[in-house]
Amino acid sequence: MRRGQLVIAIGNPLGFRIHRHIGVVSALGRSLRASNGRLIDDVVQTDAAPHPGNSGGPLVSTRGEVVGINTAVIAGAQGICFAVAAHPI
């Protein structure tokens, strides 16, 4: 995986139809602080922002490889979202 790579965030928000969002990897190896204070390392930052309820869905490369698991969206931050990398970065 590399910055600038196209990815697709797939999810099933709140049990409705499957949604997919195409975006670009904007950063690799980031750290993200969870709401409980725990630090999550090796996070992928992308603008393929999933809807609320999509957490846990795959982040997929254009070759069909799962490159991460959708984890968080920063509301009000222009669609910045994060996925835990499927493989260490």
PDB file of N, CA and C in Angstrom:
ATOM      1  N   MET A   1       0.842  -1.164   0.000  1.00  0.00           N
ATOM      2  CA  MET A   1       0.000   0.000   0.000  1.00  0.00           C
ATOM      3  C   MET A   1       0.894   1.235   0.000  1.00  0.00           C
ATOM      4  N   ARG A   2       0.387   2.300  -0.635  1.00  0.00           N
ATOM      5  CA  ARG A   2       1.159   3.546  -0.698  1.00  0.00           C
ATOM      6  C   ARG A   2       0.218   4.747  -0.690  1.00  0.00           C
ATOM      7  N   ARG A   3       0.731   5.899  -0.309  1.00  0.00           N
ATOM      8  CA  ARG A   3      -0.066   7.123  -0.365  1.00  0.00           C
ATOM      9  C   ARG A   3      -0.458   7.383  -1.810  1.00  0.00           C
ATOM     10  N   GLY A   4      -1.677   7.839  -2.005  1.00  0.00           N
ATOM     11  CA  GLY A   4      -2.185   8.109  -3.337  1.00  0.00           C
ATOM     12  C   GLY A   4      -2.909   6.926  -3.969  1.00  0.00           C
ATOM     13  N   GLN A   5      -2.815   5.761  -3.349  1.00  0.00           N
ATOM     14  CA  GLN A   5      -3.459   4.559  -3.870  1.00  0.00           C
ATOM     15  C   GLN A   5      -4.975   4.653  -3.695  1.00  0.00           C
ATOM     16  N   LEU A   6      -5.726   4.216  -4.715  1.00  0.00           N
ATOM     17  CA  LEU A   6      -7.178   4.166  -4.610  1.00  0.00           C
ATOM     18  C   LEU A   6      -7.600   2.988  -3.744  1.00  0.00           C
ATOM     19  N   VAL A   7      -8.592   3.218  -2.901  1.00  0.00           N
ATOM     20  CA  VAL A   7      -9.150   2.171  -2.046  1.00  0.00           C
ATOM     21  C   VAL A   7     -10.670   2.302  -2.023  1.00  0.00           C
ATOM     22  N   ILE A   8     -11.331   1.237  -1.596  1.00  0.00           N
ATOM     23  CA  ILE A   8     -12.782   1.216  -1.514  1.00  0.00           C
ATOM     24  C   ILE A   8     -13.169   0.784  -0.106  1.00  0.00           C
ATOM     25  N   ALA A   9     -13.949   1.615   0.573  1.00  0.00           N
ATOM     26  CA  ALA A   9     -14.469   1.272   1.901  1.00  0.00           C
ATOM     27  C   ALA A   9     -15.841   0.634   1.692  1.00  0.00           C
ATOM     28  N   ILE A  10     -16.020  -0.572   2.225  1.00  0.00           N
ATOM     29  CA  ILE A  10     -17.269  -1.310   2.063  1.00  0.00           C
ATOM     30  C   ILE A  10     -17.903  -1.505   3.426  1.00  0.00           C
ATOM     31  N   GLY A  11     -19.219  -1.340   3.487  1.00  0.00           N
ATOM     32  CA  GLY A  11     -19.901  -1.533   4.754  1.00  0.00           C
ATOM     33  C   GLY A  11     -21.388  -1.765   4.573  1.00  0.00           C
ATOM     34  N   ASN A  12     -22.030  -2.044   5.678  1.00  0.00           N
ATOM     35  CA  ASN A  12     -23.465  -2.309   5.722  1.00  0.00           C
ATOM     36  C   ASN A  12     -24.030  -1.457   6.849  1.00  0.00           C
ATOM     37  N   PRO A  13     -24.160  -0.143   6.621  1.00  0.00           N
ATOM     38  CA  PRO A  13     -24.497   0.765   7.709  1.00  0.00           C
ATOM     39  C   PRO A  13     -25.860   0.465   8.328  1.00  0.00           C
ATOM     40  N   LEU A  14     -25.829   0.183   9.612  1.00  0.00           N
ATOM     41  CA  LEU A  14     -27.032  -0.039  10.403  1.00  0.00           C
ATOM     42  C   LEU A  14     -27.943  -1.109   9.807  1.00  0.00           C
ATOM     43  N   GLY A  15     -27.358  -2.080   9.091  1.00  0.00           N
ATOM     44  CA  GLY A  15     -28.115  -3.192   8.550  1.00  0.00           C
ATOM     45  C   GLY A  15     -28.823  -2.911   7.241  1.00  0.00           C
ATOM     46  N   PHE A  16     -28.569  -1.750   6.627  1.00  0.00           N
ATOM     47  CA  PHE A  16     -29.189  -1.427   5.349  1.00  0.00           C
ATOM     48  C   PHE A  16     -28.346  -1.993   4.214  1.00  0.00           C
ATOM     49  N   ARG A  17     -28.632  -1.602   3.003  1.00  0.00           N
ATOM     50  CA  ARG A  17     -27.912  -2.079   1.827  1.00  0.00           C
ATOM     51  C   ARG A  17     -26.407  -1.863   1.963  1.00  0.00           C
ATOM     52  N   ILE A  18     -25.671  -2.649   1.211  1.00  0.00           N
ATOM     53  CA  ILE A  18     -24.210  -2.503   1.209  1.00  0.00           C
ATOM     54  C   ILE A  18     -23.843  -1.182   0.535  1.00  0.00           C
ATOM     55  N   HIS A  19     -22.951  -0.438   1.169  1.00  0.00           N
ATOM     56  CA  HIS A  19     -22.465   0.827   0.617  1.00  0.00           C
ATOM     57  C   HIS A  19     -20.984   0.703   0.345  1.00  0.00           C
ATOM     58  N   ARG A  20     -20.530   1.399  -0.664  1.00  0.00           N
ATOM     59  CA  ARG A  20     -19.099   1.445  -0.955  1.00  0.00           C
ATOM     60  C   ARG A  20     -18.715   2.875  -1.309  1.00  0.00           C
ATOM     61  N   HIS A  21     -17.549   3.255  -0.856  1.00  0.00           N
ATOM     62  CA  HIS A  21     -17.029   4.600  -1.083  1.00  0.00           C
ATOM     63  C   HIS A  21     -15.601   4.478  -1.590  1.00  0.00           C
ATOM     64  N   ILE A  22     -15.321   5.151  -2.674  1.00  0.00           N
ATOM     65  CA  ILE A  22     -13.977   5.137  -3.240  1.00  0.00           C
ATOM     66  C   ILE A  22     -13.226   6.349  -2.723  1.00  0.00           C
ATOM     67  N   GLY A  23     -11.962   6.150  -2.382  1.00  0.00           N
ATOM     68  CA  GLY A  23     -11.144   7.243  -1.897  1.00  0.00           C
ATOM     69  C   GLY A  23      -9.673   6.966  -2.144  1.00  0.00           C
ATOM     70  N   VAL A  24      -8.850   7.799  -1.562  1.00  0.00           N
ATOM     71  CA  VAL A  24      -7.401   7.745  -1.735  1.00  0.00           C
ATOM     72  C   VAL A  24      -6.735   7.620  -0.371  1.00  0.00           C
ATOM     73  N   VAL A  25      -5.713   6.791  -0.289  1.00  0.00           N
ATOM     74  CA  VAL A  25      -4.906   6.691   0.930  1.00  0.00           C
ATOM     75  C   VAL A  25      -4.109   7.987   1.049  1.00  0.00           C
ATOM     76  N   SER A  26      -4.279   8.690   2.162  1.00  0.00           N
ATOM     77  CA  SER A  26      -3.565   9.951   2.338  1.00  0.00           C
ATOM     78  C   SER A  26      -2.426   9.867   3.345  1.00  0.00           C
ATOM     79  N   ALA A  27      -2.421   8.856   4.206  1.00  0.00           N
ATOM     80  CA  ALA A  27      -1.323   8.693   5.165  1.00  0.00           C
ATOM     81  C   ALA A  27      -1.269   7.239   5.626  1.00  0.00           C
ATOM     82  N   LEU A  28      -0.072   6.799   5.964  1.00  0.00           N
ATOM     83  CA  LEU A  28       0.162   5.442   6.465  1.00  0.00           C
ATOM     84  C   LEU A  28       0.866   5.519   7.810  1.00  0.00           C
ATOM     85  N   GLY A  29       0.668   4.501   8.635  1.00  0.00           N
ATOM     86  CA  GLY A  29       1.398   4.418   9.903  1.00  0.00           C
ATOM     87  C   GLY A  29       0.990   5.450  10.926  1.00  0.00           C
ATOM     88  N   ARG A  30      -0.212   5.996  10.833  1.00  0.00           N
ATOM     89  CA  ARG A  30      -0.681   6.980  11.795  1.00  0.00           C
ATOM     90  C   ARG A  30      -1.069   6.289  13.095  1.00  0.00           C
ATOM     91  N   SER A  31      -1.255   7.067  14.132  1.00  0.00           N
ATOM     92  CA  SER A  31      -1.769   6.578  15.414  1.00  0.00           C
ATOM     93  C   SER A  31      -3.081   7.292  15.680  1.00  0.00           C
ATOM     94  N   LEU A  32      -3.997   6.593  16.314  1.00  0.00           N
ATOM     95  CA  LEU A  32      -5.323   7.133  16.580  1.00  0.00           C
ATOM     96  C   LEU A  32      -5.684   6.807  18.023  1.00  0.00           C
ATOM     97  N   ARG A  33      -6.153   7.788  18.747  1.00  0.00           N
ATOM     98  CA  ARG A  33      -6.554   7.584  20.141  1.00  0.00           C
ATOM     99  C   ARG A  33      -8.038   7.231  20.167  1.00  0.00           C
ATOM    100  N   ALA A  34      -8.381   6.068  20.702  1.00  0.00           N
ATOM    101  CA  ALA A  34      -9.766   5.619  20.814  1.00  0.00           C
ATOM    102  C   ALA A  34     -10.480   6.413  21.900  1.00  0.00           C
ATOM    103  N   SER A  35     -11.806   6.344  21.908  1.00  0.00           N
ATOM    104  CA  SER A  35     -12.580   7.096  22.901  1.00  0.00           C
ATOM    105  C   SER A  35     -12.280   6.653  24.330  1.00  0.00           C
ATOM    106  N   ASN A  36     -11.784   5.409  24.499  1.00  0.00           N
ATOM    107  CA  ASN A  36     -11.430   4.934  25.844  1.00  0.00           C
ATOM    108  C   ASN A  36      -9.995   5.293  26.219  1.00  0.00           C
ATOM    109  N   GLY A  37      -9.303   6.036  25.335  1.00  0.00           N
ATOM    110  CA  GLY A  37      -7.939   6.469  25.616  1.00  0.00           C
ATOM    111  C   GLY A  37      -6.860   5.564  25.050  1.00  0.00           C
ATOM    112  N   ARG A  38      -7.239   4.386  24.590  1.00  0.00           N
ATOM    113  CA  ARG A  38      -6.260   3.428  24.039  1.00  0.00           C
ATOM    114  C   ARG A  38      -5.696   3.955  22.725  1.00  0.00           C
ATOM    115  N   LEU A  39      -4.400   3.771  22.522  1.00  0.00           N
ATOM    116  CA  LEU A  39      -3.737   4.202  21.294  1.00  0.00           C
ATOM    117  C   LEU A  39      -3.728   3.047  20.297  1.00  0.00           C
ATOM    118  N   ILE A  40      -4.199   3.318  19.086  1.00  0.00           N
ATOM    119  CA  ILE A  40      -4.212   2.321  18.019  1.00  0.00           C
ATOM    120  C   ILE A  40      -3.141   2.731  17.018  1.00  0.00           C
ATOM    121  N   ASP A  41      -2.152   1.860  16.789  1.00  0.00           N
ATOM    122  CA  ASP A  41      -1.043   2.158  15.879  1.00  0.00           C
ATOM    123  C   ASP A  41      -1.281   1.574  14.493  1.00  0.00           C
ATOM    124  N   ASP A  42      -0.439   1.991  13.541  1.00  0.00           N
ATOM    125  CA  ASP A  42      -0.474   1.501  12.152  1.00  0.00           C
ATOM    126  C   ASP A  42      -1.842   1.697  11.509  1.00  0.00           C
ATOM    127  N   VAL A  43      -2.377   2.897  11.643  1.00  0.00           N
ATOM    128  CA  VAL A  43      -3.676   3.213  11.077  1.00  0.00           C
ATOM    129  C   VAL A  43      -3.478   3.858   9.712  1.00  0.00           C
ATOM    130  N   VAL A  44      -4.354   3.497   8.779  1.00  0.00           N
ATOM    131  CA  VAL A  44      -4.358   4.051   7.424  1.00  0.00           C
ATOM    132  C   VAL A  44      -5.358   5.202   7.405  1.00  0.00           C
ATOM    133  N   GLN A  45      -4.952   6.353   6.903  1.00  0.00           N
ATOM    134  CA  GLN A  45      -5.868   7.487   6.769  1.00  0.00           C
ATOM    135  C   GLN A  45      -6.302   7.577   5.315  1.00  0.00           C
ATOM    136  N   THR A  46      -7.607   7.735   5.103  1.00  0.00           N
ATOM    137  CA  THR A  46      -8.149   7.811   3.747  1.00  0.00           C
ATOM    138  C   THR A  46      -9.333   8.765   3.717  1.00  0.00           C
ATOM    139  N   ASP A  47      -9.753   9.134   2.522  1.00  0.00           N
ATOM    140  CA  ASP A  47     -10.958   9.945   2.392  1.00  0.00           C
ATOM    141  C   ASP A  47     -12.132   9.104   1.870  1.00  0.00           C
ATOM    142  N   ALA A  48     -11.983   7.782   1.889  1.00  0.00           N
ATOM    143  CA  ALA A  48     -13.079   6.876   1.516  1.00  0.00           C
ATOM    144  C   ALA A  48     -13.965   6.704   2.745  1.00  0.00           C
ATOM    145  N   ALA A  49     -14.641   7.775   3.100  1.00  0.00           N
ATOM    146  CA  ALA A  49     -15.361   7.834   4.378  1.00  0.00           C
ATOM    147  C   ALA A  49     -16.615   6.981   4.378  1.00  0.00           C
ATOM    148  N   PRO A  50     -16.661   5.976   5.244  1.00  0.00           N
ATOM    149  CA  PRO A  50     -17.871   5.164   5.366  1.00  0.00           C
ATOM    150  C   PRO A  50     -18.931   5.886   6.187  1.00  0.00           C
ATOM    151  N   HIS A  51     -20.171   5.455   6.054  1.00  0.00           N
ATOM    152  CA  HIS A  51     -21.271   6.002   6.845  1.00  0.00           C
ATOM    153  C   HIS A  51     -21.174   5.490   8.280  1.00  0.00           C
ATOM    154  N   PRO A  52     -21.797   6.196   9.237  1.00  0.00           N
ATOM    155  CA  PRO A  52     -21.870   5.670  10.598  1.00  0.00           C
ATOM    156  C   PRO A  52     -22.492   4.270  10.578  1.00  0.00           C
ATOM    157  N   GLY A  53     -21.932   3.371  11.333  1.00  0.00           N
ATOM    158  CA  GLY A  53     -22.405   1.996  11.362  1.00  0.00           C
ATOM    159  C   GLY A  53     -21.635   1.079  10.431  1.00  0.00           C
ATOM    160  N   ASN A  54     -20.690   1.636   9.653  1.00  0.00           N
ATOM    161  CA  ASN A  54     -19.878   0.844   8.729  1.00  0.00           C
ATOM    162  C   ASN A  54     -18.609   0.293   9.361  1.00  0.00           C
ATOM    163  N   SER A  55     -18.291   0.675  10.569  1.00  0.00           N
ATOM    164  CA  SER A  55     -17.060   0.208  11.205  1.00  0.00           C
ATOM    165  C   SER A  55     -17.016  -1.308  11.179  1.00  0.00           C
ATOM    166  N   GLY A  56     -15.843  -1.838  10.915  1.00  0.00           N
ATOM    167  CA  GLY A  56     -15.671  -3.281  10.857  1.00  0.00           C
ATOM    168  C   GLY A  56     -15.707  -3.828   9.450  1.00  0.00           C
ATOM    169  N   GLY A  57     -16.089  -3.002   8.486  1.00  0.00           N
ATOM    170  CA  GLY A  57     -16.089  -3.434   7.090  1.00  0.00           C
ATOM    171  C   GLY A  57     -14.691  -3.335   6.501  1.00  0.00           C
ATOM    172  N   PRO A  58     -14.464  -3.988   5.372  1.00  0.00           N
ATOM    173  CA  PRO A  58     -13.131  -3.978   4.781  1.00  0.00           C
ATOM    174  C   PRO A  58     -12.808  -2.697   4.017  1.00  0.00           C
ATOM    175  N   LEU A  59     -11.532  -2.347   4.020  1.00  0.00           N
ATOM    176  CA  LEU A  59     -10.972  -1.336   3.134  1.00  0.00           C
ATOM    177  C   LEU A  59     -10.200  -2.141   2.096  1.00  0.00           C
ATOM    178  N   VAL A  60     -10.582  -2.017   0.831  1.00  0.00           N
ATOM    179  CA  VAL A  60     -10.103  -2.910  -0.216  1.00  0.00           C
ATOM    180  C   VAL A  60      -9.328  -2.129  -1.271  1.00  0.00           C
ATOM    181  N   SER A  61      -8.244  -2.722  -1.769  1.00  0.00           N
ATOM    182  CA  SER A  61      -7.494  -2.113  -2.871  1.00  0.00           C
ATOM    183  C   SER A  61      -8.241  -2.352  -4.174  1.00  0.00           C
ATOM    184  N   THR A  62      -7.847  -1.678  -5.231  1.00  0.00           N
ATOM    185  CA  THR A  62      -8.486  -1.876  -6.531  1.00  0.00           C
ATOM    186  C   THR A  62      -8.168  -3.249  -7.115  1.00  0.00           C
ATOM    187  N   ARG A  63      -7.228  -3.967  -6.503  1.00  0.00           N
ATOM    188  CA  ARG A  63      -6.931  -5.352  -6.911  1.00  0.00           C
ATOM    189  C   ARG A  63      -7.750  -6.371  -6.121  1.00  0.00           C
ATOM    190  N   GLY A  64      -8.637  -5.883  -5.242  1.00  0.00           N
ATOM    191  CA  GLY A  64      -9.494  -6.769  -4.466  1.00  0.00           C
ATOM    192  C   GLY A  64      -8.866  -7.282  -3.188  1.00  0.00           C
ATOM    193  N   GLU A  65      -7.723  -6.746  -2.793  1.00  0.00           N
ATOM    194  CA  GLU A  65      -7.043  -7.174  -1.565  1.00  0.00           C
ATOM    195  C   GLU A  65      -7.560  -6.355  -0.381  1.00  0.00           C
ATOM    196  N   VAL A  66      -7.863  -7.019   0.734  1.00  0.00           N
ATOM    197  CA  VAL A  66      -8.240  -6.304   1.949  1.00  0.00           C
ATOM    198  C   VAL A  66      -6.977  -5.695   2.533  1.00  0.00           C
ATOM    199  N   VAL A  67      -6.954  -4.363   2.625  1.00  0.00           N
ATOM    200  CA  VAL A  67      -5.769  -3.673   3.137  1.00  0.00           C
ATOM    201  C   VAL A  67      -5.997  -3.095   4.528  1.00  0.00           C
ATOM    202  N   GLY A  68      -7.257  -3.128   4.996  1.00  0.00           N
ATOM    203  CA  GLY A  68      -7.541  -2.614   6.321  1.00  0.00           C
ATOM    204  C   GLY A  68      -8.967  -2.893   6.730  1.00  0.00           C
ATOM    205  N   ILE A  69      -9.273  -2.546   7.977  1.00  0.00           N
ATOM    206  CA  ILE A  69     -10.615  -2.668   8.531  1.00  0.00           C
ATOM    207  C   ILE A  69     -11.067  -1.269   8.944  1.00  0.00           C
ATOM    208  N   ASN A  70     -12.177  -0.806   8.370  1.00  0.00           N
ATOM    209  CA  ASN A  70     -12.692   0.529   8.663  1.00  0.00           C
ATOM    210  C   ASN A  70     -12.954   0.659  10.161  1.00  0.00           C
ATOM    211  N   THR A  71     -12.433   1.742  10.731  1.00  0.00           N
ATOM    212  CA  THR A  71     -12.456   1.883  12.182  1.00  0.00           C
ATOM    213  C   THR A  71     -13.145   3.143  12.672  1.00  0.00           C
ATOM    214  N   ALA A  72     -12.833   4.292  12.088  1.00  0.00           N
ATOM    215  CA  ALA A  72     -13.351   5.548  12.633  1.00  0.00           C
ATOM    216  C   ALA A  72     -13.453   6.613  11.558  1.00  0.00           C
ATOM    217  N   VAL A  73     -14.408   7.514  11.754  1.00  0.00           N
ATOM    218  CA  VAL A  73     -14.576   8.697  10.917  1.00  0.00           C
ATOM    219  C   VAL A  73     -14.531   9.892  11.849  1.00  0.00           C
ATOM    220  N   ILE A  74     -13.842  10.934  11.446  1.00  0.00           N
ATOM    221  CA  ILE A  74     -13.851  12.160  12.240  1.00  0.00           C
ATOM    222  C   ILE A  74     -14.950  13.048  11.673  1.00  0.00           C
ATOM    223  N   ALA A  75     -16.058  13.144  12.400  1.00  0.00           N
ATOM    224  CA  ALA A  75     -17.199  13.947  11.959  1.00  0.00           C
ATOM    225  C   ALA A  75     -16.787  15.406  11.818  1.00  0.00           C
ATOM    226  N   GLY A  76     -17.223  16.019  10.748  1.00  0.00           N
ATOM    227  CA  GLY A  76     -16.921  17.425  10.525  1.00  0.00           C
ATOM    228  C   GLY A  76     -15.506  17.693  10.057  1.00  0.00           C
ATOM    229  N   ALA A  77     -14.775  16.657   9.685  1.00  0.00           N
ATOM    230  CA  ALA A  77     -13.384  16.845   9.259  1.00  0.00           C
ATOM    231  C   ALA A  77     -13.212  16.535   7.775  1.00  0.00           C
ATOM    232  N   GLN A  78     -14.211  16.891   6.972  1.00  0.00           N
ATOM    233  CA  GLN A  78     -14.129  16.741   5.522  1.00  0.00           C
ATOM    234  C   GLN A  78     -13.902  15.303   5.075  1.00  0.00           C
ATOM    235  N   GLY A  79     -14.522  14.344   5.749  1.00  0.00           N
ATOM    236  CA  GLY A  79     -14.471  12.959   5.309  1.00  0.00           C
ATOM    237  C   GLY A  79     -13.197  12.211   5.623  1.00  0.00           C
ATOM    238  N   ILE A  80     -12.463  12.614   6.644  1.00  0.00           N
ATOM    239  CA  ILE A  80     -11.266  11.875   7.029  1.00  0.00           C
ATOM    240  C   ILE A  80     -11.698  10.619   7.784  1.00  0.00           C
ATOM    241  N   CYS A  81     -11.201   9.480   7.347  1.00  0.00           N
ATOM    242  CA  CYS A  81     -11.516   8.257   8.069  1.00  0.00           C
ATOM    243  C   CYS A  81     -10.249   7.424   8.231  1.00  0.00           C
ATOM    244  N   PHE A  82     -10.335   6.439   9.116  1.00  0.00           N
ATOM    245  CA  PHE A  82      -9.189   5.639   9.465  1.00  0.00           C
ATOM    246  C   PHE A  82      -9.551   4.153   9.421  1.00  0.00           C
ATOM    247  N   ALA A  83      -8.578   3.355   9.056  1.00  0.00           N
ATOM    248  CA  ALA A  83      -8.735   1.897   9.034  1.00  0.00           C
ATOM    249  C   ALA A  83      -7.496   1.285   9.668  1.00  0.00           C
ATOM    250  N   VAL A  84      -7.697   0.254  10.449  1.00  0.00           N
ATOM    251  CA  VAL A  84      -6.568  -0.502  10.999  1.00  0.00           C
ATOM    252  C   VAL A  84      -5.989  -1.306   9.852  1.00  0.00           C
ATOM    253  N   ALA A  85      -4.683  -1.194   9.639  1.00  0.00           N
ATOM    254  CA  ALA A  85      -4.028  -1.889   8.531  1.00  0.00           C
ATOM    255  C   ALA A  85      -4.158  -3.401   8.671  1.00  0.00           C
ATOM    256  N   ALA A  86      -4.425  -4.066   7.565  1.00  0.00           N
ATOM    257  CA  ALA A  86      -4.549  -5.524   7.572  1.00  0.00           C
ATOM    258  C   ALA A  86      -3.190  -6.184   7.784  1.00  0.00           C
ATOM    259  N   HIS A  87      -2.135  -5.523   7.347  1.00  0.00           N
ATOM    260  CA  HIS A  87      -0.766  -6.007   7.515  1.00  0.00           C
ATOM    261  C   HIS A  87       0.044  -4.868   8.088  1.00  0.00           C
ATOM    262  N   PRO A  88       1.018  -5.150   8.935  1.00  0.00           N
ATOM    263  CA  PRO A  88       1.839  -4.062   9.485  1.00  0.00           C
ATOM    264  C   PRO A  88       2.435  -3.208   8.375  1.00  0.00           C
ATOM    265  N   ILE A  89       2.437  -1.915   8.620  1.00  0.00           N
ATOM    266  CA  ILE A  89       2.952  -0.968   7.616  1.00  0.00           C
ATOM    267  C   ILE A  89       4.431  -0.760   7.796  1.00  0.00           C
TER     268      ILE A  89
END
